Amino acid sequence: MNANLPPIQKVLFDEATIQKRIKELADEITADYEDILAIIVLKGSMFFATDLLKHITVPVEIDTMHLGSYGMKGMKSEAVRLNNDIVSSIEGRNVLILEDIVDTGKTMKYIHELFALRNPASVKLCSLLSKPSKREIEIDIDYLGFEIPDAFVVGYGFDYKEKYRTLRDIVVMEPE
């Protein structure tokens, strides 16, 4: 690793554990739907969503949205910003939001409020990770990969200053 980046503390979930849980989530989702409009929340969810969607066996349409709440210094800002919205109409559709992590709940609250104005048939949330110790707004997670302690994680899509996303494991690190 780069000497200018903080060191990795420990592996929280290895690649095999992540992939096993993703397959289980895909099976649950497949059992619950006849068709899905999957909305991938970029950037962090890319790896998770790609692996999950490969295992879902019902018809899936995919769209993406990009929201911002972290600055380049890794610090949380107060407002959620919609950088790029979806292009698909969600009216009357079964929407499945694919998110990397739910911590404060602010991003998911923003998405749910935005989508409620667009009259979907249903909106459910699938998140790889949940950090309940940071929750400020209670959010129902319909499909959850793992609950984690209050730790800063990188790898498998999670980043620190846009680094570490491509690690195959989810690891704990201590940011600067």
Protein backbone atom coordinates (compact mmCIF):
# COMPACT_ATOMS: atom_id res chain seq x y z
CA MET A 1 0.00 0.00 0.00
CA ASN A 2 0.94 3.62 -0.42
CA ALA A 3 3.09 4.93 2.43
CA ASN A 4 1.03 8.16 2.39
CA LEU A 5 -2.20 6.35 3.28
CA PRO A 6 -3.20 5.16 6.76
CA PRO A 7 -2.52 1.48 7.43
CA ILE A 8 -5.14 -1.25 7.37
CA GLN A 9 -5.98 -2.48 10.87
CA LYS A 10 -7.71 -5.81 10.18
CA VAL A 11 -9.93 -7.71 7.76
CA LEU A 12 -13.58 -7.41 8.79
CA PHE A 13 -15.06 -9.58 5.99
CA ASP A 14 -13.00 -11.56 3.51
CA GLU A 15 -13.98 -12.01 -0.12
CA ALA A 16 -15.45 -15.50 0.38
CA THR A 17 -17.68 -14.33 3.25
CA ILE A 18 -18.88 -11.33 1.24
CA GLN A 19 -19.70 -13.44 -1.82
CA LYS A 20 -21.53 -16.08 0.23
CA ARG A 21 -23.74 -13.43 1.86
CA ILE A 22 -24.40 -11.71 -1.48
CA LYS A 23 -25.65 -14.99 -2.95
CA GLU A 24 -27.98 -15.42 0.05
CA LEU A 25 -29.33 -11.88 -0.41
CA ALA A 26 -29.89 -12.50 -4.14
CA ASP A 27 -31.86 -15.65 -3.34
CA GLU A 28 -34.07 -13.72 -0.88
CA ILE A 29 -34.67 -10.93 -3.41
CA THR A 30 -35.42 -13.38 -6.23
CA ALA A 31 -38.02 -15.08 -4.02
CA ASP A 32 -39.72 -11.74 -3.25
CA TYR A 33 -39.99 -10.20 -6.74
CA GLU A 34 -41.31 -10.93 -10.23
CA ASP A 35 -39.40 -7.99 -11.71
CA ILE A 36 -37.23 -5.22 -10.29
CA LEU A 37 -36.01 -1.75 -11.10
CA ALA A 38 -32.66 -1.77 -9.27
CA ILE A 39 -31.24 1.66 -8.45
CA ILE A 40 -27.50 1.56 -7.72
CA VAL A 41 -26.30 4.37 -5.47
CA LEU A 42 -22.87 5.31 -6.82
CA LYS A 43 -19.94 5.07 -6.29
CA GLY A 44 -19.54 2.82 -3.32
CA SER A 45 -22.25 0.33 -4.27
CA MET A 46 -20.82 -0.56 -7.70
CA PHE A 47 -18.98 -3.71 -6.63
CA PHE A 48 -21.77 -4.97 -4.37
CA ALA A 49 -24.52 -4.25 -6.91
CA THR A 50 -22.67 -5.92 -9.77
CA ASP A 51 -22.08 -9.11 -7.81
CA LEU A 52 -25.60 -9.16 -6.37
CA LEU A 53 -27.38 -8.59 -9.68
CA LYS A 54 -25.50 -11.46 -11.34
CA HIS A 55 -27.28 -13.84 -8.95
CA ILE A 56 -30.83 -12.46 -9.23
CA THR A 57 -32.87 -14.61 -11.60
CA VAL A 58 -35.97 -12.45 -12.16
CA PRO A 59 -36.00 -9.66 -14.80
CA VAL A 60 -34.03 -6.62 -13.61
CA GLU A 61 -33.78 -3.16 -15.09
CA ILE A 62 -30.82 -1.16 -13.79
CA ASP A 63 -30.40 2.55 -13.23
CA THR A 64 -27.95 4.59 -11.19
CA MET A 65 -27.92 7.70 -9.09
CA HIS A 66 -25.00 9.55 -7.57
CA LEU A 67 -25.38 11.39 -4.31
CA GLY A 68 -22.76 13.20 -2.31
CA SER A 69 -22.33 13.57 1.40
CA TYR A 70 -18.62 12.96 1.90
CA GLY A 71 -16.00 15.54 0.97
CA MET A 72 -12.57 14.61 -0.37
CA LYS A 73 -11.15 14.78 3.14
CA GLY A 74 -13.44 11.95 4.23
CA MET A 75 -15.50 14.18 6.49
CA LYS A 76 -19.29 13.99 6.56
CA SER A 77 -21.16 17.06 5.37
CA GLU A 78 -24.59 17.92 6.70
CA ALA A 79 -26.51 18.04 3.41
CA VAL A 80 -27.10 15.24 0.93
CA ARG A 81 -26.49 16.38 -2.65
CA LEU A 82 -28.07 14.78 -5.71
CA ASN A 83 -25.25 14.84 -8.25
CA ASN A 84 -26.95 12.65 -10.88
CA ASP A 85 -30.56 11.45 -10.79
CA ILE A 86 -31.97 8.27 -12.30
CA VAL A 87 -33.36 8.44 -15.84
CA SER A 88 -35.97 5.68 -15.48
CA SER A 89 -39.53 6.37 -14.47
CA ILE A 90 -40.30 4.60 -11.20
CA GLU A 91 -44.05 5.21 -11.30
CA GLY A 92 -45.85 1.95 -10.57
CA ARG A 93 -42.55 0.04 -10.42
CA ASN A 94 -41.02 -2.18 -7.74
CA VAL A 95 -37.85 -0.30 -6.84
CA LEU A 96 -34.90 -1.88 -5.06
CA ILE A 97 -32.28 0.58 -3.85
CA LEU A 98 -28.78 -0.93 -3.73
CA GLU A 99 -26.61 0.88 -1.20
CA ASP A 100 -23.17 0.14 0.19
CA ILE A 101 -23.73 1.28 3.79
CA VAL A 102 -26.41 2.84 5.95
CA ASP A 103 -24.88 4.81 8.77
CA THR A 104 -26.63 8.08 9.74
CA GLY A 105 -29.67 7.30 7.58
CA LYS A 106 -29.68 10.78 5.97
CA THR A 107 -28.96 9.56 2.44
CA MET A 108 -31.69 6.91 2.56
CA LYS A 109 -34.20 9.38 4.02
CA TYR A 110 -33.40 11.74 1.12
CA ILE A 111 -33.87 8.98 -1.47
CA HIS A 112 -37.11 7.74 0.09
CA GLU A 113 -38.57 11.27 0.15
CA LEU A 114 -37.49 11.88 -3.45
CA PHE A 115 -38.91 8.58 -4.68
CA ALA A 116 -42.20 8.97 -2.74
CA LEU A 117 -42.99 11.95 -5.01
CA ARG A 118 -42.65 9.67 -8.06
CA ASN A 119 -45.31 7.10 -7.08
CA PRO A 120 -43.49 3.75 -7.18
CA ALA A 121 -45.44 0.56 -6.42
CA SER A 122 -42.87 -0.25 -3.74
CA VAL A 123 -39.44 0.82 -2.57
CA LYS A 124 -37.16 -1.55 -0.69
CA LEU A 125 -33.59 -1.16 0.43
CA CYS A 126 -30.74 -3.64 0.10
CA SER A 127 -27.55 -2.54 1.85
CA LEU A 128 -24.33 -4.46 2.15
CA LEU A 129 -23.48 -2.88 5.51
CA SER A 130 -25.28 -1.16 8.37
CA LYS A 131 -23.64 0.84 11.12
CA PRO A 132 -26.46 1.29 13.67
CA SER A 133 -24.24 3.10 16.20
CA LYS A 134 -24.15 6.10 13.80
CA ARG A 135 -27.88 6.14 13.04
CA GLU A 136 -29.53 9.53 13.38
CA ILE A 137 -32.63 8.64 11.35
CA GLU A 138 -34.19 5.20 11.65
CA ILE A 139 -34.23 3.40 8.33
CA ASP A 140 -35.72 0.01 7.52
CA ILE A 141 -33.24 -2.16 5.66
CA ASP A 142 -35.17 -4.89 3.88
CA TYR A 143 -32.12 -6.90 2.81
CA LEU A 144 -28.95 -6.52 4.88
CA GLY A 145 -25.56 -8.05 4.28
CA PHE A 146 -23.78 -7.33 7.55
CA GLU A 147 -24.08 -5.13 10.61
CA ILE A 148 -20.77 -3.56 11.61
CA PRO A 149 -19.39 -1.74 14.66
CA ASP A 150 -18.38 1.91 14.62
CA ALA A 151 -15.27 1.49 12.49
CA PHE A 152 -13.99 3.12 9.31
CA VAL A 153 -14.05 0.52 6.54
CA VAL A 154 -12.50 0.42 3.09
CA GLY A 155 -12.35 -2.12 0.28
CA TYR A 156 -15.00 -3.73 -1.89
CA GLY A 157 -16.22 -0.31 -3.04
CA PHE A 158 -15.62 1.59 0.20
CA ASP A 159 -12.94 4.23 -0.09
CA TYR A 160 -10.67 6.61 1.72
CA LYS A 161 -9.92 9.65 -0.45
CA GLU A 162 -10.90 7.54 -3.50
CA LYS A 163 -8.32 4.88 -2.61
CA TYR A 164 -8.79 1.25 -1.46
CA ARG A 165 -12.10 0.69 -3.36
CA THR A 166 -10.65 -2.23 -5.33
CA LEU A 167 -9.58 -4.34 -2.34
CA ARG A 168 -11.44 -7.66 -2.44
CA ASP A 169 -12.02 -7.70 1.33
CA ILE A 170 -13.72 -5.18 3.59
CA VAL A 171 -11.09 -3.96 6.03
CA VAL A 172 -10.89 -1.61 8.99
CA MET A 173 -8.49 1.30 8.82
CA GLU A 174 -7.83 4.33 10.95
CA PRO A 175 -8.22 7.51 8.85
CA GLU A 176 -5.90 10.44 9.38
